[in-house]
Full PDB file with SEQRES, HELIX, SHEET, SSBOND, CRYST1, ORIGX, SCALE, CONECT and MASTER records, all heavy atoms in Angstrom:
SEQRES   1 A   44  LEU ARG GLU ASP ALA VAL SER LEU ASP ASP PHE GLU PRO          
SEQRES   2 A   44  ALA SER ARG VAL ALA LEU LEU LEU GLY ALA GLU GLY ASP          
SEQRES   3 A   44  GLY LEU THR PRO LYS ALA LEU ALA THR ALA ASP THR VAL          
SEQRES   4 A   44  VAL THR ILE PRO MET                                          
HELIX    1 AA1 PRO A   30  THR A   35  1                                   6    
SHEET    1 AA1 2 VAL A   6  SER A   7  0                                        
SHEET    2 AA1 2 VAL A  40  THR A  41  1                                        
CRYST1    1.000    1.000    1.000  90.00  90.00  90.00 P 1           1          
ORIGX1      1.000000  0.000000  0.000000        0.00000                         
ORIGX2      0.000000  1.000000  0.000000        0.00000                         
ORIGX3      0.000000  0.000000  1.000000        0.00000                         
SCALE1      1.000000  0.000000  0.000000        0.00000                         
SCALE2      0.000000  1.000000  0.000000        0.00000                         
SCALE3      0.000000  0.000000  1.000000        0.00000                         
ATOM      1  N   LEU A   1      -3.451  -3.887   4.123  1.00  0.00           N  
ATOM      2  CA  LEU A   1      -3.256  -4.163   5.541  1.00  0.00           C  
ATOM      3  C   LEU A   1      -2.081  -5.155   5.657  1.00  0.00           C  
ATOM      4  O   LEU A   1      -2.168  -6.246   5.202  1.00  0.00           O  
ATOM      5  CB  LEU A   1      -4.522  -4.815   6.130  1.00  0.00           C  
ATOM      6  CG  LEU A   1      -5.779  -3.923   6.197  1.00  0.00           C  
ATOM      7  CD1 LEU A   1      -6.946  -4.750   6.686  1.00  0.00           C  
ATOM      8  CD2 LEU A   1      -5.574  -2.730   7.090  1.00  0.00           C  
ATOM      9  N   ARG A   2      -1.020  -4.702   6.281  1.00  0.00           N  
ATOM     10  CA  ARG A   2       0.139  -5.557   6.509  1.00  0.00           C  
ATOM     11  C   ARG A   2       0.936  -5.038   7.713  1.00  0.00           C  
ATOM     12  O   ARG A   2       0.953  -3.785   7.914  1.00  0.00           O  
ATOM     13  CB  ARG A   2       1.009  -5.616   5.259  1.00  0.00           C  
ATOM     14  CG  ARG A   2       1.727  -6.949   5.106  1.00  0.00           C  
ATOM     15  CD  ARG A   2       2.285  -7.153   3.721  1.00  0.00           C  
ATOM     16  NE  ARG A   2       3.393  -6.266   3.413  1.00  0.00           N  
ATOM     17  CZ  ARG A   2       4.132  -6.384   2.295  1.00  0.00           C  
ATOM     18  NH1 ARG A   2       3.837  -7.306   1.386  1.00  0.00           N  
ATOM     19  NH2 ARG A   2       5.130  -5.550   2.071  1.00  0.00           N  
ATOM     20  N   GLU A   3       1.555  -5.886   8.456  1.00  0.00           N  
ATOM     21  CA  GLU A   3       2.277  -5.459   9.642  1.00  0.00           C  
ATOM     22  C   GLU A   3       3.353  -4.458   9.369  1.00  0.00           C  
ATOM     23  O   GLU A   3       3.597  -3.599  10.198  1.00  0.00           O  
ATOM     24  CB  GLU A   3       2.819  -6.698  10.388  1.00  0.00           C  
ATOM     25  CG  GLU A   3       1.717  -7.568  11.021  1.00  0.00           C  
ATOM     26  CD  GLU A   3       2.337  -8.662  11.859  1.00  0.00           C  
ATOM     27  OE1 GLU A   3       3.579  -8.730  11.972  1.00  0.00           O  
ATOM     28  OE2 GLU A   3       1.567  -9.456  12.437  1.00  0.00           O  
ATOM     29  N   ASP A   4       4.003  -4.601   8.229  1.00  0.00           N  
ATOM     30  CA  ASP A   4       5.104  -3.657   7.931  1.00  0.00           C  
ATOM     31  C   ASP A   4       4.661  -2.449   7.160  1.00  0.00           C  
ATOM     32  O   ASP A   4       5.480  -1.679   6.658  1.00  0.00           O  
ATOM     33  CB  ASP A   4       6.203  -4.375   7.151  1.00  0.00           C  
ATOM     34  CG  ASP A   4       5.680  -4.883   5.787  1.00  0.00           C  
ATOM     35  OD1 ASP A   4       4.483  -4.980   5.603  1.00  0.00           O  
ATOM     36  OD2 ASP A   4       6.558  -5.261   4.940  1.00  0.00           O  
ATOM     37  N   ALA A   5       3.331  -2.236   7.032  1.00  0.00           N  
ATOM     38  CA  ALA A   5       2.805  -1.088   6.336  1.00  0.00           C  
ATOM     39  C   ALA A   5       3.111   0.194   7.014  1.00  0.00           C  
ATOM     40  O   ALA A   5       3.143   0.314   8.247  1.00  0.00           O  
ATOM     41  CB  ALA A   5       1.320  -1.196   6.118  1.00  0.00           C  
ATOM     42  N   VAL A   6       3.337   1.258   6.198  1.00  0.00           N  
ATOM     43  CA  VAL A   6       3.563   2.643   6.713  1.00  0.00           C  
ATOM     44  C   VAL A   6       2.182   3.332   6.808  1.00  0.00           C  
ATOM     45  O   VAL A   6       1.375   3.231   5.914  1.00  0.00           O  
ATOM     46  CB  VAL A   6       4.449   3.401   5.761  1.00  0.00           C  
ATOM     47  CG1 VAL A   6       4.630   4.854   6.250  1.00  0.00           C  
ATOM     48  CG2 VAL A   6       5.820   2.716   5.640  1.00  0.00           C  
ATOM     49  N   SER A   7       1.964   4.006   7.925  1.00  0.00           N  
ATOM     50  CA  SER A   7       0.735   4.745   8.057  1.00  0.00           C  
ATOM     51  C   SER A   7       0.674   5.851   6.974  1.00  0.00           C  
ATOM     52  O   SER A   7       1.699   6.450   6.624  1.00  0.00           O  
ATOM     53  CB  SER A   7       0.607   5.395   9.438  1.00  0.00           C  
ATOM     54  OG  SER A   7      -0.483   6.317   9.506  1.00  0.00           O  
ATOM     55  N   LEU A   8      -0.540   6.088   6.463  1.00  0.00           N  
ATOM     56  CA  LEU A   8      -0.685   7.155   5.451  1.00  0.00           C  
ATOM     57  C   LEU A   8      -0.249   8.503   6.033  1.00  0.00           C  
ATOM     58  O   LEU A   8       0.235   9.355   5.275  1.00  0.00           O  
ATOM     59  CB  LEU A   8      -2.164   7.200   5.012  1.00  0.00           C  
ATOM     60  CG  LEU A   8      -2.502   8.160   3.879  1.00  0.00           C  
ATOM     61  CD1 LEU A   8      -1.719   7.806   2.598  1.00  0.00           C  
ATOM     62  CD2 LEU A   8      -4.024   8.102   3.601  1.00  0.00           C  
ATOM     63  N   ASP A   9      -0.379   8.627   7.321  1.00  0.00           N  
ATOM     64  CA  ASP A   9       0.044   9.910   7.995  1.00  0.00           C  
ATOM     65  C   ASP A   9       1.585  10.079   7.861  1.00  0.00           C  
ATOM     66  O   ASP A   9       2.057  11.212   7.784  1.00  0.00           O  
ATOM     67  CB  ASP A   9      -0.329   9.908   9.462  1.00  0.00           C  
ATOM     68  CG  ASP A   9      -1.812  10.082   9.665  1.00  0.00           C  
ATOM     69  OD1 ASP A   9      -2.495  10.645   8.781  1.00  0.00           O  
ATOM     70  OD2 ASP A   9      -2.338   9.680  10.722  1.00  0.00           O  
ATOM     71  N   ASP A  10       2.302   9.012   7.835  1.00  0.00           N  
ATOM     72  CA  ASP A  10       3.743   9.035   7.829  1.00  0.00           C  
ATOM     73  C   ASP A  10       4.380   8.822   6.481  1.00  0.00           C  
ATOM     74  O   ASP A  10       5.579   8.928   6.311  1.00  0.00           O  
ATOM     75  CB  ASP A  10       4.290   7.999   8.825  1.00  0.00           C  
ATOM     76  CG  ASP A  10       3.823   8.223  10.228  1.00  0.00           C  
ATOM     77  OD1 ASP A  10       3.671   9.379  10.642  1.00  0.00           O  
ATOM     78  OD2 ASP A  10       3.526   7.207  10.916  1.00  0.00           O  
ATOM     79  N   PHE A  11       3.564   8.505   5.491  1.00  0.00           N  
ATOM     80  CA  PHE A  11       4.082   8.152   4.160  1.00  0.00           C  
ATOM     81  C   PHE A  11       4.653   9.410   3.518  1.00  0.00           C  
ATOM     82  O   PHE A  11       4.038  10.446   3.492  1.00  0.00           O  
ATOM     83  CB  PHE A  11       2.958   7.581   3.297  1.00  0.00           C  
ATOM     84  CG  PHE A  11       3.314   7.298   1.876  1.00  0.00           C  
ATOM     85  CD1 PHE A  11       4.453   6.535   1.578  1.00  0.00           C  
ATOM     86  CD2 PHE A  11       2.579   7.822   0.862  1.00  0.00           C  
ATOM     87  CE1 PHE A  11       4.781   6.263   0.278  1.00  0.00           C  
ATOM     88  CE2 PHE A  11       2.879   7.558  -0.476  1.00  0.00           C  
ATOM     89  CZ  PHE A  11       4.001   6.778  -0.767  1.00  0.00           C  
ATOM     90  N   GLU A  12       5.840   9.310   2.990  1.00  0.00           N  
ATOM     91  CA  GLU A  12       6.503  10.397   2.302  1.00  0.00           C  
ATOM     92  C   GLU A  12       6.530  10.108   0.827  1.00  0.00           C  
ATOM     93  O   GLU A  12       7.419   9.379   0.326  1.00  0.00           O  
ATOM     94  CB  GLU A  12       7.891  10.649   2.835  1.00  0.00           C  
ATOM     95  CG  GLU A  12       7.914  11.072   4.297  1.00  0.00           C  
ATOM     96  CD  GLU A  12       9.336  11.309   4.829  1.00  0.00           C  
ATOM     97  OE1 GLU A  12      10.284  11.236   4.042  1.00  0.00           O  
ATOM     98  OE2 GLU A  12       9.475  11.629   6.019  1.00  0.00           O  
ATOM     99  N   PRO A  13       5.590  10.651   0.021  1.00  0.00           N  
ATOM    100  CA  PRO A  13       5.536  10.303  -1.375  1.00  0.00           C  
ATOM    101  C   PRO A  13       6.623  10.960  -2.192  1.00  0.00           C  
ATOM    102  O   PRO A  13       7.119  12.055  -1.848  1.00  0.00           O  
ATOM    103  CB  PRO A  13       4.139  10.855  -1.807  1.00  0.00           C  
ATOM    104  CG  PRO A  13       3.914  11.996  -0.845  1.00  0.00           C  
ATOM    105  CD  PRO A  13       4.554  11.560   0.444  1.00  0.00           C  
ATOM    106  N   ALA A  14       7.046  10.267  -3.238  1.00  0.00           N  
ATOM    107  CA  ALA A  14       7.971  10.824  -4.191  1.00  0.00           C  
ATOM    108  C   ALA A  14       7.197  11.800  -5.105  1.00  0.00           C  
ATOM    109  O   ALA A  14       6.017  12.032  -4.907  1.00  0.00           O  
ATOM    110  CB  ALA A  14       8.614   9.702  -5.034  1.00  0.00           C  
ATOM    111  N   SER A  15       7.891  12.403  -6.040  1.00  0.00           N  
ATOM    112  CA  SER A  15       7.262  13.404  -6.902  1.00  0.00           C  
ATOM    113  C   SER A  15       6.239  12.763  -7.830  1.00  0.00           C  
ATOM    114  O   SER A  15       5.306  13.422  -8.291  1.00  0.00           O  
ATOM    115  CB  SER A  15       8.269  14.137  -7.733  1.00  0.00           C  
ATOM    116  OG  SER A  15       9.045  13.231  -8.487  1.00  0.00           O  
ATOM    117  N   ARG A  16       6.365  11.487  -8.091  1.00  0.00           N  
ATOM    118  CA  ARG A  16       5.421  10.738  -8.926  1.00  0.00           C  
ATOM    119  C   ARG A  16       5.050   9.431  -8.166  1.00  0.00           C  
ATOM    120  O   ARG A  16       5.943   8.675  -7.751  1.00  0.00           O  
ATOM    121  CB  ARG A  16       6.018  10.420 -10.312  1.00  0.00           C  
ATOM    122  CG  ARG A  16       6.559  11.576 -11.022  1.00  0.00           C  
ATOM    123  CD  ARG A  16       7.000  11.225 -12.449  1.00  0.00           C  
ATOM    124  NE  ARG A  16       5.910  11.411 -13.395  1.00  0.00           N  
ATOM    125  CZ  ARG A  16       5.981  11.029 -14.663  1.00  0.00           C  
ATOM    126  NH1 ARG A  16       7.085  10.456 -15.121  1.00  0.00           N  
ATOM    127  NH2 ARG A  16       4.974  11.226 -15.494  1.00  0.00           N  
ATOM    128  N   VAL A  17       3.741   9.222  -7.992  1.00  0.00           N  
ATOM    129  CA  VAL A  17       3.291   8.056  -7.200  1.00  0.00           C  
ATOM    130  C   VAL A  17       2.235   7.273  -8.007  1.00  0.00           C  
ATOM    131  O   VAL A  17       1.307   7.876  -8.577  1.00  0.00           O  
ATOM    132  CB  VAL A  17       2.669   8.522  -5.862  1.00  0.00           C  
ATOM    133  CG1 VAL A  17       2.106   7.341  -5.086  1.00  0.00           C  
ATOM    134  CG2 VAL A  17       3.707   9.276  -5.036  1.00  0.00           C  
ATOM    135  N   ALA A  18       2.364   5.943  -7.926  1.00  0.00           N  
ATOM    136  CA  ALA A  18       1.345   5.024  -8.451  1.00  0.00           C  
ATOM    137  C   ALA A  18       0.732   4.331  -7.238  1.00  0.00           C  
ATOM    138  O   ALA A  18       1.452   3.584  -6.537  1.00  0.00           O  
ATOM    139  CB  ALA A  18       1.929   4.026  -9.419  1.00  0.00           C  
ATOM    140  N   LEU A  19      -0.525   4.543  -6.994  1.00  0.00           N  
ATOM    141  CA  LEU A  19      -1.216   4.028  -5.814  1.00  0.00           C  
ATOM    142  C   LEU A  19      -1.988   2.742  -6.238  1.00  0.00           C  
ATOM    143  O   LEU A  19      -2.923   2.796  -7.062  1.00  0.00           O  
ATOM    144  CB  LEU A  19      -2.200   5.056  -5.261  1.00  0.00           C  
ATOM    145  CG  LEU A  19      -3.020   4.650  -4.023  1.00  0.00           C  
ATOM    146  CD1 LEU A  19      -2.041   4.458  -2.809  1.00  0.00           C  
ATOM    147  CD2 LEU A  19      -4.093   5.702  -3.733  1.00  0.00           C  
ATOM    148  N   LEU A  20      -1.665   1.593  -5.684  1.00  0.00           N  
ATOM    149  CA  LEU A  20      -2.255   0.316  -6.035  1.00  0.00           C  
ATOM    150  C   LEU A  20      -3.452   0.019  -5.070  1.00  0.00           C  
ATOM    151  O   LEU A  20      -3.315   0.091  -3.853  1.00  0.00           O  
ATOM    152  CB  LEU A  20      -1.245  -0.831  -5.878  1.00  0.00           C  
ATOM    153  CG  LEU A  20      -0.351  -1.102  -7.082  1.00  0.00           C  
ATOM    154  CD1 LEU A  20       0.469   0.084  -7.500  1.00  0.00           C  
ATOM    155  CD2 LEU A  20       0.531  -2.301  -6.800  1.00  0.00           C  
ATOM    156  N   LEU A  21      -4.586  -0.336  -5.680  1.00  0.00           N  
ATOM    157  CA  LEU A  21      -5.777  -0.665  -4.935  1.00  0.00           C  
ATOM    158  C   LEU A  21      -6.257  -2.071  -5.388  1.00  0.00           C  
ATOM    159  O   LEU A  21      -6.302  -2.346  -6.600  1.00  0.00           O  
ATOM    160  CB  LEU A  21      -6.905   0.329  -5.169  1.00  0.00           C  
ATOM    161  CG  LEU A  21      -6.621   1.793  -4.813  1.00  0.00           C  
ATOM    162  CD1 LEU A  21      -7.771   2.695  -5.268  1.00  0.00           C  
ATOM    163  CD2 LEU A  21      -6.417   1.947  -3.331  1.00  0.00           C  
ATOM    164  N   GLY A  22      -6.656  -2.874  -4.422  1.00  0.00           N  
ATOM    165  CA  GLY A  22      -7.117  -4.230  -4.726  1.00  0.00           C  
ATOM    166  C   GLY A  22      -8.602  -4.429  -4.475  1.00  0.00           C  
ATOM    167  O   GLY A  22      -9.290  -3.551  -3.991  1.00  0.00           O  
ATOM    168  N   ALA A  23      -9.062  -5.632  -4.795  1.00  0.00           N  
ATOM    169  CA  ALA A  23     -10.488  -5.956  -4.725  1.00  0.00           C  
ATOM    170  C   ALA A  23     -10.960  -6.028  -3.270  1.00  0.00           C  
ATOM    171  O   ALA A  23     -10.170  -6.195  -2.356  1.00  0.00           O  
ATOM    172  CB  ALA A  23     -10.748  -7.271  -5.439  1.00  0.00           C  
ATOM    173  N   GLU A  24     -12.264  -5.850  -3.117  1.00  0.00           N  
ATOM    174  CA  GLU A  24     -12.890  -6.030  -1.804  1.00  0.00           C  
ATOM    175  C   GLU A  24     -12.634  -7.461  -1.302  1.00  0.00           C  
ATOM    176  O   GLU A  24     -12.623  -8.434  -2.085  1.00  0.00           O  
ATOM    177  CB  GLU A  24     -14.416  -5.847  -1.918  1.00  0.00           C  
ATOM    178  CG  GLU A  24     -14.817  -4.425  -2.238  1.00  0.00           C  
ATOM    179  CD  GLU A  24     -14.692  -3.492  -1.073  1.00  0.00           C  
ATOM    180  OE1 GLU A  24     -14.372  -3.967   0.035  1.00  0.00           O  
ATOM    181  OE2 GLU A  24     -14.900  -2.303  -1.258  1.00  0.00           O  
ATOM    182  N   GLY A  25     -12.433  -7.608  -0.025  1.00  0.00           N  
ATOM    183  CA  GLY A  25     -12.227  -8.940   0.550  1.00  0.00           C  
ATOM    184  C   GLY A  25     -10.813  -9.436   0.461  1.00  0.00           C  
ATOM    185  O   GLY A  25     -10.041  -9.292   1.436  1.00  0.00           O  
ATOM    186  N   ASP A  26     -10.370  -9.856  -0.727  1.00  0.00           N  
ATOM    187  CA  ASP A  26      -9.050 -10.428  -0.847  1.00  0.00           C  
ATOM    188  C   ASP A  26      -7.960  -9.366  -0.920  1.00  0.00           C  
ATOM    189  O   ASP A  26      -6.790  -9.655  -0.602  1.00  0.00           O  
ATOM    190  CB  ASP A  26      -8.988 -11.299  -2.116  1.00  0.00           C  
ATOM    191  CG  ASP A  26      -9.852 -12.507  -2.012  1.00  0.00           C  
ATOM    192  OD1 ASP A  26     -10.096 -12.937  -0.878  1.00  0.00           O  
ATOM    193  OD2 ASP A  26     -10.237 -13.065  -3.034  1.00  0.00           O  
ATOM    194  N   GLY A  27      -8.290  -8.152  -1.328  1.00  0.00           N  
ATOM    195  CA  GLY A  27      -7.282  -7.131  -1.473  1.00  0.00           C  
ATOM    196  C   GLY A  27      -6.308  -7.403  -2.616  1.00  0.00           C  
ATOM    197  O   GLY A  27      -6.648  -8.123  -3.544  1.00  0.00           O  
ATOM    198  N   LEU A  28      -5.151  -6.806  -2.565  1.00  0.00           N  
ATOM    199  CA  LEU A  28      -4.130  -6.947  -3.644  1.00  0.00           C  
ATOM    200  C   LEU A  28      -3.580  -8.371  -3.602  1.00  0.00           C  
ATOM    201  O   LEU A  28      -3.381  -8.984  -2.548  1.00  0.00           O  
ATOM    202  CB  LEU A  28      -3.000  -5.930  -3.438  1.00  0.00           C  
ATOM    203  CG  LEU A  28      -3.374  -4.507  -3.722  1.00  0.00           C  
ATOM    204  CD1 LEU A  28      -2.357  -3.537  -3.120  1.00  0.00           C  
ATOM    205  CD2 LEU A  28      -3.526  -4.232  -5.233  1.00  0.00           C  
ATOM    206  N   THR A  29      -3.295  -8.888  -4.767  1.00  0.00           N  
ATOM    207  CA  THR A  29      -2.663 -10.235  -4.880  1.00  0.00           C  
ATOM    208  C   THR A  29      -1.180 -10.141  -4.427  1.00  0.00           C  
ATOM    209  O   THR A  29      -0.587  -9.073  -4.421  1.00  0.00           O  
ATOM    210  CB  THR A  29      -2.727 -10.737  -6.321  1.00  0.00           C  
ATOM    211  OG1 THR A  29      -1.920  -9.860  -7.159  1.00  0.00           O  
ATOM    212  CG2 THR A  29      -4.175 -10.772  -6.832  1.00  0.00           C  
ATOM    213  N   PRO A  30      -0.607 -11.304  -4.073  1.00  0.00           N  
ATOM    214  CA  PRO A  30       0.807 -11.305  -3.712  1.00  0.00           C  
ATOM    215  C   PRO A  30       1.700 -10.734  -4.792  1.00  0.00           C  
ATOM    216  O   PRO A  30       2.729 -10.081  -4.533  1.00  0.00           O  
ATOM    217  CB  PRO A  30       1.080 -12.786  -3.456  1.00  0.00           C  
ATOM    218  CG  PRO A  30      -0.227 -13.339  -3.039  1.00  0.00           C  
ATOM    219  CD  PRO A  30      -1.263 -12.610  -3.838  1.00  0.00           C  
ATOM    220  N   LYS A  31       1.324 -10.979  -6.048  1.00  0.00           N  
ATOM    221  CA  LYS A  31       2.142 -10.459  -7.205  1.00  0.00           C  
ATOM    222  C   LYS A  31       2.127  -8.930  -7.220  1.00  0.00           C  
ATOM    223  O   LYS A  31       3.122  -8.313  -7.430  1.00  0.00           O  
ATOM    224  CB  LYS A  31       1.568 -11.020  -8.521  1.00  0.00           C  
ATOM    225  CG  LYS A  31       2.405 -10.654  -9.743  1.00  0.00           C  
ATOM    226  CD  LYS A  31       3.693 -11.447  -9.769  1.00  0.00           C  
ATOM    227  CE  LYS A  31       4.445 -11.233 -11.066  1.00  0.00           C  
ATOM    228  NZ  LYS A  31       5.713 -11.978 -11.095  1.00  0.00           N  
ATOM    229  N   ALA A  32       0.912  -8.373  -6.964  1.00  0.00           N  
ATOM    230  CA  ALA A  32       0.876  -6.877  -6.970  1.00  0.00           C  
ATOM    231  C   ALA A  32       1.592  -6.328  -5.779  1.00  0.00           C  
ATOM    232  O   ALA A  32       2.305  -5.330  -5.894  1.00  0.00           O  
ATOM    233  CB  ALA A  32      -0.640  -6.462  -6.886  1.00  0.00           C  
ATOM    234  N   LEU A  33       1.472  -6.971  -4.589  1.00  0.00           N  
ATOM    235  CA  LEU A  33       2.174  -6.481  -3.447  1.00  0.00           C  
ATOM    236  C   LEU A  33       3.698  -6.561  -3.625  1.00  0.00           C  
ATOM    237  O   LEU A  33       4.448  -5.684  -3.151  1.00  0.00           O  
ATOM    238  CB  LEU A  33       1.750  -7.226  -2.173  1.00  0.00           C  
ATOM    239  CG  LEU A  33       0.361  -6.968  -1.619  1.00  0.00           C  
ATOM    240  CD1 LEU A  33      -0.017  -7.984  -0.589  1.00  0.00           C  
ATOM    241  CD2 LEU A  33       0.354  -5.549  -1.083  1.00  0.00           C  
ATOM    242  N   ALA A  34       4.147  -7.576  -4.318  1.00  0.00           N  
ATOM    243  CA  ALA A  34       5.594  -7.686  -4.587  1.00  0.00           C  
ATOM    244  C   ALA A  34       6.064  -6.660  -5.539  1.00  0.00           C  
ATOM    245  O   ALA A  34       7.277  -6.311  -5.548  1.00  0.00           O  
ATOM    246  CB  ALA A  34       5.881  -9.112  -5.166  1.00  0.00           C  
ATOM    247  N   THR A  35       5.171  -6.093  -6.277  1.00  0.00           N  
ATOM    248  CA  THR A  35       5.532  -5.026  -7.214  1.00  0.00           C  
ATOM    249  C   THR A  35       5.788  -3.700  -6.501  1.00  0.00           C  
ATOM    250  O   THR A  35       6.547  -2.839  -6.957  1.00  0.00           O  
ATOM    251  CB  THR A  35       4.367  -4.813  -8.260  1.00  0.00           C  
ATOM    252  OG1 THR A  35       4.206  -6.028  -8.973  1.00  0.00           O  
ATOM    253  CG2 THR A  35       4.685  -3.690  -9.226  1.00  0.00           C  
ATOM    254  N   ALA A  36       5.149  -3.551  -5.337  1.00  0.00           N  
ATOM    255  CA  ALA A  36       5.179  -2.262  -4.643  1.00  0.00           C  
ATOM    256  C   ALA A  36       6.540  -1.932  -4.009  1.00  0.00           C  
ATOM    257  O   ALA A  36       7.248  -2.819  -3.532  1.00  0.00           O  
ATOM    258  CB  ALA A  36       4.109  -2.249  -3.587  1.00  0.00           C  
ATOM    259  N   ASP A  37       6.875  -0.660  -4.012  1.00  0.00           N  
ATOM    260  CA  ASP A  37       8.047  -0.183  -3.269  1.00  0.00           C  
ATOM    261  C   ASP A  37       7.717   0.001  -1.792  1.00  0.00           C  
ATOM    262  O   ASP A  37       8.572  -0.118  -0.923  1.00  0.00           O  
ATOM    263  CB  ASP A  37       8.507   1.153  -3.862  1.00  0.00           C  
ATOM    264  CG  ASP A  37       8.844   1.053  -5.326  1.00  0.00           C  
ATOM    265  OD1 ASP A  37       9.604   0.137  -5.697  1.00  0.00           O  
ATOM    266  OD2 ASP A  37       8.282   1.843  -6.108  1.00  0.00           O  
ATOM    267  N   THR A  38       6.445   0.362  -1.506  1.00  0.00           N  
ATOM    268  CA  THR A  38       6.008   0.669  -0.159  1.00  0.00           C  
ATOM    269  C   THR A  38       4.585   0.172   0.019  1.00  0.00           C  
ATOM    270  O   THR A  38       3.772   0.277  -0.912  1.00  0.00           O  
ATOM    271  CB  THR A  38       6.037   2.181   0.120  1.00  0.00           C  
ATOM    272  OG1 THR A  38       7.342   2.727  -0.195  1.00  0.00           O  
ATOM    273  CG2 THR A  38       5.747   2.479   1.596  1.00  0.00           C  
ATOM    274  N   VAL A  39       4.257  -0.358   1.190  1.00  0.00           N  
ATOM    275  CA  VAL A  39       2.882  -0.719   1.553  1.00  0.00           C  
ATOM    276  C   VAL A  39       2.422   0.358   2.526  1.00  0.00           C  
ATOM    277  O   VAL A  39       3.021   0.620   3.495  1.00  0.00           O  
ATOM    278  CB  VAL A  39       2.799  -2.095   2.112  1.00  0.00           C  
ATOM    279  CG1 VAL A  39       1.332  -2.406   2.538  1.00  0.00           C  
ATOM    280  CG2 VAL A  39       3.291  -3.133   1.144  1.00  0.00           C  
ATOM    281  N   VAL A  40       1.218   0.942   2.217  1.00  0.00           N  
ATOM    282  CA  VAL A  40       0.679   2.017   3.023  1.00  0.00           C  
ATOM    283  C   VAL A  40      -0.681   1.605   3.553  1.00  0.00           C  
ATOM    284  O   VAL A  40      -1.443   0.905   2.853  1.00  0.00           O  
ATOM    285  CB  VAL A  40       0.527   3.297   2.169  1.00  0.00           C  
ATOM    286  CG1 VAL A  40      -0.019   4.440   2.990  1.00  0.00           C  
ATOM    287  CG2 VAL A  40       1.864   3.684   1.559  1.00  0.00           C  
ATOM    288  N   THR A  41      -0.998   2.013   4.766  1.00  0.00           N  
ATOM    289  CA  THR A  41      -2.322   1.717   5.295  1.00  0.00           C  
ATOM    290  C   THR A  41      -2.953   2.966   5.887  1.00  0.00           C  
ATOM    291  O   THR A  41      -2.272   3.923   6.297  1.00  0.00           O  
ATOM    292  CB  THR A  41      -2.216   0.653   6.429  1.00  0.00           C  
ATOM    293  OG1 THR A  41      -3.539   0.224   6.804  1.00  0.00           O  
ATOM    294  CG2 THR A  41      -1.471   1.173   7.674  1.00  0.00           C  
ATOM    295  N   ILE A  42      -4.265   3.038   5.857  1.00  0.00           N  
ATOM    296  CA  ILE A  42      -5.020   4.159   6.435  1.00  0.00           C  
ATOM    297  C   ILE A  42      -5.244   3.947   7.906  1.00  0.00           C  
ATOM    298  O   ILE A  42      -5.756   2.873   8.302  1.00  0.00           O  
ATOM    299  CB  ILE A  42      -6.374   4.289   5.726  1.00  0.00           C  
ATOM    300  CG1 ILE A  42      -6.166   4.617   4.229  1.00  0.00           C  
ATOM    301  CG2 ILE A  42      -7.189   5.400   6.377  1.00  0.00           C  
ATOM    302  CD1 ILE A  42      -7.463   4.600   3.420  1.00  0.00           C  
ATOM    303  N   PRO A  43      -4.773   4.864   8.785  1.00  0.00           N  
ATOM    304  CA  PRO A  43      -4.977   4.641  10.212  1.00  0.00           C  
ATOM    305  C   PRO A  43      -6.470   4.698  10.526  1.00  0.00           C  
ATOM    306  O   PRO A  43      -7.182   5.586  10.073  1.00  0.00           O  
ATOM    307  CB  PRO A  43      -4.238   5.824  10.829  1.00  0.00           C  
ATOM    308  CG  PRO A  43      -4.128   6.812   9.748  1.00  0.00           C  
ATOM    309  CD  PRO A  43      -4.032   6.105   8.499  1.00  0.00           C  
ATOM    310  N   MET A  44      -6.917   3.678  11.299  1.00  0.00           N  
ATOM    311  CA  MET A  44      -8.383   3.550  11.600  1.00  0.00           C  
ATOM    312  C   MET A  44      -8.601   3.592  13.097  1.00  0.00           C  
ATOM    313  O   MET A  44      -7.724   3.490  13.894  1.00  0.00           O  
ATOM    314  CB  MET A  44      -8.875   2.212  11.017  1.00  0.00           C  
ATOM    315  CG  MET A  44      -8.605   1.993   9.521  1.00  0.00           C  
ATOM    316  SD  MET A  44      -9.575   3.074   8.447  1.00  0.00           S  
ATOM    317  CE  MET A  44     -11.205   2.464   8.764  1.00  0.00           C  
TER     318      MET A  44                                                      
MASTER        0    0    0    1    2    0    0    6  317    1    0    4          
END                                                                             
């Protein structure tokens, strides 16, 4: 969950994707988020 996240509906994946998932509550750490090329969120 982040303001600049791309909706999963609009996400255009490359041919190879690594999907990062974080813990319940705290979610991904800042270090993990800094590793990402894109932040994606599920529209709710």
